[in-house]
Amino acid sequence: MLSGLIAFLLLIGLASGPLLWRVRQDRRDARAQAVRADASSALFRALGGESFVAVQVQAPTLWRPGRVVLTTPSDWQWLLAPAWSSVVEHVPADYELVVRPAAPAPLPLASEDLALHRAA
């Protein structure tokens, strides 16, 4: 009788464990999307419309907090100062704000670099 009860509880645990984990993950993702919408709305109001600043949100996990990442092309880095100052008020306490300017554009190649050299 006791072994049947233990087997039943183990079977219920194996079936409901992944389902509960998925429900928890879905709630974290839904909260991350709400944070993204709030940050995008604050950014829209601060800059007076659409801009080249992208907002990406990563949901928190067990080992790291959530993350709100603001990026922009290299020629539009001046937009990051008003962007982060308006978004930081809307980032929850368990999220971190990362401002990441894009890498500068590569320098154009000189004409001698483009020339094809004959193999010996």
N, C-alpha and C. Protein backbone atom coordinates (compact mmCIF):
# COMPACT_ATOMS: atom_id res chain seq x y z
N MET A 1 0.82 -1.19 0.00
CA MET A 1 0.00 0.00 0.00
C MET A 1 0.87 1.27 0.00
N LEU A 2 1.88 1.30 0.85
CA LEU A 2 2.76 2.47 0.93
C LEU A 2 3.58 2.62 -0.35
N SER A 3 4.04 1.51 -0.92
CA SER A 3 4.82 1.60 -2.16
C SER A 3 3.95 2.10 -3.31
N GLY A 4 2.68 1.75 -3.33
CA GLY A 4 1.76 2.24 -4.36
C GLY A 4 1.54 3.73 -4.22
N LEU A 5 1.46 4.23 -2.98
CA LEU A 5 1.28 5.66 -2.74
C LEU A 5 2.52 6.44 -3.16
N ILE A 6 3.70 5.89 -2.85
CA ILE A 6 4.95 6.55 -3.24
C ILE A 6 5.09 6.59 -4.76
N ALA A 7 4.74 5.51 -5.42
CA ALA A 7 4.81 5.47 -6.88
C ALA A 7 3.83 6.47 -7.50
N PHE A 8 2.65 6.58 -6.91
CA PHE A 8 1.66 7.53 -7.40
C PHE A 8 2.15 8.97 -7.24
N LEU A 9 2.70 9.30 -6.08
CA LEU A 9 3.22 10.64 -5.84
C LEU A 9 4.40 10.96 -6.75
N LEU A 10 5.26 9.98 -6.99
CA LEU A 10 6.38 10.18 -7.90
C LEU A 10 5.89 10.42 -9.32
N LEU A 11 4.90 9.69 -9.75
CA LEU A 11 4.33 9.88 -11.08
C LEU A 11 3.68 11.26 -11.22
N ILE A 12 2.95 11.70 -10.20
CA ILE A 12 2.34 13.03 -10.22
C ILE A 12 3.43 14.10 -10.26
N GLY A 13 4.50 13.91 -9.49
CA GLY A 13 5.61 14.87 -9.48
C GLY A 13 6.31 14.96 -10.83
N LEU A 14 6.51 13.82 -11.47
CA LEU A 14 7.15 13.82 -12.78
C LEU A 14 6.29 14.45 -13.86
N ALA A 15 4.99 14.37 -13.70
CA ALA A 15 4.10 14.96 -14.70
C ALA A 15 3.87 16.45 -14.44
N SER A 16 3.73 16.82 -13.18
CA SER A 16 3.40 18.22 -12.88
C SER A 16 4.63 19.11 -12.75
N GLY A 17 5.80 18.56 -12.48
CA GLY A 17 7.02 19.37 -12.33
C GLY A 17 7.35 20.19 -13.56
N PRO A 18 7.47 19.58 -14.73
CA PRO A 18 7.74 20.37 -15.94
C PRO A 18 6.63 21.37 -16.28
N LEU A 19 5.39 21.00 -16.00
CA LEU A 19 4.28 21.93 -16.27
C LEU A 19 4.38 23.16 -15.38
N LEU A 20 4.69 22.97 -14.11
CA LEU A 20 4.83 24.11 -13.20
C LEU A 20 6.03 24.96 -13.57
N TRP A 21 7.11 24.32 -14.00
CA TRP A 21 8.30 25.07 -14.44
C TRP A 21 7.96 25.94 -15.65
N ARG A 22 7.19 25.38 -16.59
CA ARG A 22 6.83 26.13 -17.79
C ARG A 22 5.91 27.30 -17.47
N VAL A 23 4.98 27.10 -16.53
CA VAL A 23 4.09 28.19 -16.11
C VAL A 23 4.92 29.31 -15.50
N ARG A 24 5.90 28.96 -14.68
CA ARG A 24 6.76 29.97 -14.07
C ARG A 24 7.56 30.73 -15.13
N GLN A 25 8.10 30.02 -16.11
CA GLN A 25 8.87 30.64 -17.18
C GLN A 25 7.98 31.56 -18.03
N ASP A 26 6.77 31.15 -18.31
CA ASP A 26 5.84 31.98 -19.08
C ASP A 26 5.49 33.26 -18.33
N ARG A 27 5.35 33.18 -17.02
CA ARG A 27 5.06 34.38 -16.24
C ARG A 27 6.25 35.33 -16.26
N ARG A 28 7.47 34.79 -16.16
CA ARG A 28 8.66 35.65 -16.24
C ARG A 28 8.75 36.32 -17.60
N ASP A 29 8.49 35.57 -18.66
CA ASP A 29 8.52 36.14 -20.01
C ASP A 29 7.44 37.20 -20.21
N ALA A 30 6.26 36.97 -19.67
CA ALA A 30 5.19 37.95 -19.78
C ALA A 30 5.54 39.23 -19.03
N ARG A 31 6.16 39.09 -17.86
CA ARG A 31 6.58 40.28 -17.12
C ARG A 31 7.68 41.02 -17.87
N ALA A 32 8.60 40.28 -18.50
CA ALA A 32 9.66 40.92 -19.28
C ALA A 32 9.08 41.69 -20.46
N GLN A 33 8.06 41.15 -21.10
CA GLN A 33 7.42 41.86 -22.20
C GLN A 33 6.69 43.12 -21.71
N ALA A 34 6.13 43.06 -20.49
CA ALA A 34 5.49 44.25 -19.92
C ALA A 34 6.54 45.31 -19.59
N VAL A 35 7.70 44.89 -19.11
CA VAL A 35 8.79 45.83 -18.84
C VAL A 35 9.26 46.46 -20.15
N ARG A 36 9.34 45.66 -21.21
CA ARG A 36 9.76 46.19 -22.52
C ARG A 36 8.76 47.21 -23.04
N ALA A 37 7.49 46.92 -22.89
CA ALA A 37 6.47 47.86 -23.35
C ALA A 37 6.53 49.16 -22.57
N ASP A 38 6.74 49.08 -21.27
CA ASP A 38 6.84 50.28 -20.45
C ASP A 38 8.08 51.09 -20.80
N ALA A 39 9.21 50.40 -21.02
CA ALA A 39 10.45 51.10 -21.39
C ALA A 39 10.32 51.74 -22.77
N SER A 40 9.72 51.04 -23.71
CA SER A 40 9.53 51.60 -25.06
C SER A 40 8.60 52.80 -25.03
N SER A 41 7.58 52.74 -24.20
CA SER A 41 6.67 53.86 -24.08
C SER A 41 7.38 55.08 -23.48
N ALA A 42 8.20 54.87 -22.46
CA ALA A 42 8.96 55.98 -21.87
C ALA A 42 9.95 56.56 -22.87
N LEU A 43 10.57 55.70 -23.66
CA LEU A 43 11.51 56.15 -24.68
C LEU A 43 10.80 56.94 -25.77
N PHE A 44 9.63 56.48 -26.17
CA PHE A 44 8.83 57.18 -27.18
C PHE A 44 8.46 58.58 -26.71
N ARG A 45 8.04 58.69 -25.45
CA ARG A 45 7.67 60.01 -24.91
C ARG A 45 8.88 60.91 -24.76
N ALA A 46 10.02 60.36 -24.33
CA ALA A 46 11.21 61.20 -24.09
C ALA A 46 11.80 61.74 -25.38
N LEU A 47 11.79 60.95 -26.43
CA LEU A 47 12.40 61.37 -27.68
C LEU A 47 11.38 61.96 -28.66
N GLY A 48 10.13 61.99 -28.30
CA GLY A 48 9.12 62.62 -29.13
C GLY A 48 8.72 61.81 -30.34
N GLY A 49 8.83 60.50 -30.27
CA GLY A 49 8.44 59.65 -31.39
C GLY A 49 9.39 58.48 -31.56
N GLU A 50 9.28 57.82 -32.68
CA GLU A 50 10.15 56.67 -32.97
C GLU A 50 11.59 57.15 -33.14
N SER A 51 12.52 56.29 -32.77
CA SER A 51 13.93 56.65 -32.87
C SER A 51 14.74 55.42 -33.27
N PHE A 52 16.05 55.61 -33.35
CA PHE A 52 16.95 54.51 -33.68
C PHE A 52 17.43 53.76 -32.44
N VAL A 53 16.86 54.03 -31.29
CA VAL A 53 17.23 53.34 -30.07
C VAL A 53 16.37 52.08 -29.97
N ALA A 54 17.03 50.93 -29.86
CA ALA A 54 16.33 49.65 -29.74
C ALA A 54 16.29 49.23 -28.28
N VAL A 55 15.17 48.68 -27.86
CA VAL A 55 14.99 48.20 -26.49
C VAL A 55 14.85 46.68 -26.55
N GLN A 56 15.74 45.99 -25.84
CA GLN A 56 15.67 44.53 -25.73
C GLN A 56 15.59 44.18 -24.25
N VAL A 57 14.75 43.22 -23.91
CA VAL A 57 14.59 42.83 -22.51
C VAL A 57 14.79 41.33 -22.40
N GLN A 58 15.62 40.94 -21.43
CA GLN A 58 15.85 39.53 -21.13
C GLN A 58 15.23 39.24 -19.77
N ALA A 59 14.44 38.20 -19.69
CA ALA A 59 13.77 37.84 -18.45
C ALA A 59 14.80 37.36 -17.43
N PRO A 60 14.55 37.56 -16.14
CA PRO A 60 15.48 37.08 -15.12
C PRO A 60 15.48 35.56 -15.04
N THR A 61 16.59 35.01 -14.63
CA THR A 61 16.70 33.57 -14.40
C THR A 61 17.06 33.36 -12.93
N LEU A 62 17.33 32.13 -12.56
CA LEU A 62 17.68 31.85 -11.18
C LEU A 62 19.01 32.45 -10.78
N TRP A 63 19.93 32.62 -11.75
CA TRP A 63 21.29 33.03 -11.43
C TRP A 63 21.62 34.46 -11.80
N ARG A 64 20.76 35.15 -12.50
CA ARG A 64 21.05 36.53 -12.89
C ARG A 64 19.76 37.34 -12.93
N PRO A 65 19.88 38.65 -12.71
CA PRO A 65 18.67 39.49 -12.77
C PRO A 65 18.24 39.71 -14.22
N GLY A 66 17.06 40.26 -14.38
CA GLY A 66 16.60 40.62 -15.72
C GLY A 66 17.44 41.76 -16.27
N ARG A 67 17.36 41.96 -17.56
CA ARG A 67 18.22 42.96 -18.19
C ARG A 67 17.43 43.71 -19.25
N VAL A 68 17.54 45.05 -19.21
CA VAL A 68 16.99 45.93 -20.23
C VAL A 68 18.18 46.52 -20.97
N VAL A 69 18.27 46.26 -22.27
CA VAL A 69 19.42 46.69 -23.08
C VAL A 69 18.96 47.74 -24.08
N LEU A 70 19.63 48.90 -24.06
CA LEU A 70 19.38 49.96 -25.03
C LEU A 70 20.55 50.01 -26.00
N THR A 71 20.28 49.91 -27.29
CA THR A 71 21.33 49.98 -28.31
C THR A 71 20.91 50.97 -29.38
N THR A 72 21.92 51.46 -30.08
CA THR A 72 21.68 52.40 -31.16
C THR A 72 22.80 52.28 -32.18
N PRO A 73 22.58 52.66 -33.43
CA PRO A 73 23.67 52.66 -34.41
C PRO A 73 24.77 53.63 -33.99
N SER A 74 25.96 53.44 -34.54
CA SER A 74 27.11 54.24 -34.10
C SER A 74 26.95 55.73 -34.41
N ASP A 75 26.27 56.10 -35.46
CA ASP A 75 26.10 57.51 -35.79
C ASP A 75 25.03 58.19 -34.94
N TRP A 76 24.26 57.43 -34.19
CA TRP A 76 23.17 58.00 -33.41
C TRP A 76 23.39 57.82 -31.91
N GLN A 77 24.63 57.75 -31.47
CA GLN A 77 24.92 57.52 -30.06
C GLN A 77 24.50 58.68 -29.17
N TRP A 78 24.35 59.85 -29.72
CA TRP A 78 23.92 61.00 -28.93
C TRP A 78 22.50 60.81 -28.39
N LEU A 79 21.73 59.88 -28.96
CA LEU A 79 20.38 59.61 -28.47
C LEU A 79 20.37 58.82 -27.17
N LEU A 80 21.50 58.19 -26.82
CA LEU A 80 21.51 57.32 -25.65
C LEU A 80 21.37 58.09 -24.33
N ALA A 81 21.90 59.31 -24.25
CA ALA A 81 21.82 60.06 -23.00
C ALA A 81 20.37 60.38 -22.60
N PRO A 82 19.55 60.97 -23.49
CA PRO A 82 18.16 61.19 -23.07
C PRO A 82 17.37 59.89 -22.98
N ALA A 83 17.81 58.87 -23.72
CA ALA A 83 17.08 57.61 -23.70
C ALA A 83 17.22 56.91 -22.36
N TRP A 84 18.44 56.75 -21.87
CA TRP A 84 18.59 55.99 -20.63
C TRP A 84 18.07 56.77 -19.44
N SER A 85 18.16 58.10 -19.47
CA SER A 85 17.67 58.87 -18.33
C SER A 85 16.15 58.79 -18.21
N SER A 86 15.45 58.58 -19.30
CA SER A 86 14.00 58.45 -19.22
C SER A 86 13.57 57.01 -18.94
N VAL A 87 14.35 56.04 -19.40
CA VAL A 87 13.98 54.63 -19.24
C VAL A 87 14.31 54.14 -17.83
N VAL A 88 15.35 54.68 -17.20
CA VAL A 88 15.80 54.17 -15.91
C VAL A 88 14.71 54.26 -14.84
N GLU A 89 13.82 55.22 -14.94
CA GLU A 89 12.72 55.35 -13.98
C GLU A 89 11.70 54.23 -14.11
N HIS A 90 11.66 53.57 -15.25
CA HIS A 90 10.64 52.55 -15.51
C HIS A 90 11.19 51.13 -15.42
N VAL A 91 12.46 50.99 -15.08
CA VAL A 91 13.06 49.66 -14.96
C VAL A 91 12.83 49.16 -13.53
N PRO A 92 12.26 47.96 -13.34
CA PRO A 92 12.02 47.45 -11.99
C PRO A 92 13.34 47.21 -11.24
N ALA A 93 13.23 47.04 -9.93
CA ALA A 93 14.41 46.88 -9.08
C ALA A 93 15.18 45.59 -9.39
N ASP A 94 14.51 44.54 -9.82
CA ASP A 94 15.21 43.29 -10.09
C ASP A 94 15.69 43.17 -11.54
N TYR A 95 15.74 44.28 -12.25
CA TYR A 95 16.27 44.34 -13.61
C TYR A 95 17.45 45.30 -13.61
N GLU A 96 18.40 45.07 -14.50
CA GLU A 96 19.51 46.00 -14.67
C GLU A 96 19.41 46.65 -16.04
N LEU A 97 19.83 47.91 -16.11
CA LEU A 97 19.79 48.66 -17.36
C LEU A 97 21.19 48.67 -17.97
N VAL A 98 21.29 48.25 -19.22
CA VAL A 98 22.56 48.20 -19.94
C VAL A 98 22.44 49.11 -21.15
N VAL A 99 23.34 50.07 -21.25
CA VAL A 99 23.38 50.97 -22.41
C VAL A 99 24.56 50.56 -23.24
N ARG A 100 24.30 50.08 -24.44
CA ARG A 100 25.34 49.52 -25.28
C ARG A 100 25.38 50.24 -26.62
N PRO A 101 26.34 51.16 -26.80
CA PRO A 101 26.46 51.78 -28.13
C PRO A 101 26.99 50.76 -29.12
N ALA A 102 26.59 50.91 -30.34
CA ALA A 102 27.05 49.99 -31.38
C ALA A 102 28.52 50.26 -31.68
N ALA A 103 29.18 49.28 -32.21
CA ALA A 103 30.58 49.45 -32.60
C ALA A 103 30.67 50.45 -33.74
N PRO A 104 31.74 51.22 -33.78
CA PRO A 104 31.86 52.18 -34.88
C PRO A 104 31.95 51.47 -36.22
N ALA A 105 31.55 52.18 -37.25
CA ALA A 105 31.58 51.61 -38.59
C ALA A 105 33.02 51.33 -39.00
N PRO A 106 33.26 50.25 -39.72
CA PRO A 106 34.63 49.95 -40.13
C PRO A 106 35.14 50.99 -41.12
N LEU A 107 36.44 51.21 -41.06
CA LEU A 107 37.06 52.17 -41.97
C LEU A 107 37.06 51.63 -43.39
N PRO A 108 36.88 52.49 -44.38
CA PRO A 108 36.90 52.01 -45.76
C PRO A 108 38.30 51.51 -46.13
N LEU A 109 38.34 50.52 -46.97
CA LEU A 109 39.62 49.96 -47.40
C LEU A 109 40.27 50.85 -48.45
N ALA A 110 41.58 50.90 -48.40
CA ALA A 110 42.32 51.67 -49.40
C ALA A 110 42.30 50.90 -50.72
N SER A 111 42.54 51.60 -51.82
CA SER A 111 42.48 50.97 -53.13
C SER A 111 43.55 49.89 -53.28
N GLU A 112 44.72 50.04 -52.62
CA GLU A 112 45.75 49.00 -52.75
C GLU A 112 45.37 47.75 -51.97
N ASP A 113 44.50 47.88 -50.99
CA ASP A 113 44.02 46.70 -50.27
C ASP A 113 43.03 45.91 -51.12
N LEU A 114 42.35 46.59 -52.04
CA LEU A 114 41.37 45.92 -52.87
C LEU A 114 41.98 45.25 -54.09
N ALA A 115 43.22 45.63 -54.41
CA ALA A 115 43.87 45.07 -55.62
C ALA A 115 44.16 43.59 -55.40
N LEU A 116 43.96 42.84 -56.44
CA LEU A 116 44.27 41.41 -56.38
C LEU A 116 45.72 41.19 -56.73
N HIS A 117 46.39 40.42 -55.92
CA HIS A 117 47.81 40.15 -56.16
C HIS A 117 47.94 38.77 -56.78
N ARG A 118 48.88 38.64 -57.69
CA ARG A 118 49.10 37.39 -58.40
C ARG A 118 49.92 36.45 -57.52
N ALA A 119 49.50 35.23 -57.46
CA ALA A 119 50.25 34.25 -56.67
C ALA A 119 51.53 33.88 -57.40
N ALA A 120 52.58 33.63 -56.65
CA ALA A 120 53.88 33.33 -57.26
C ALA A 120 53.95 31.93 -57.77
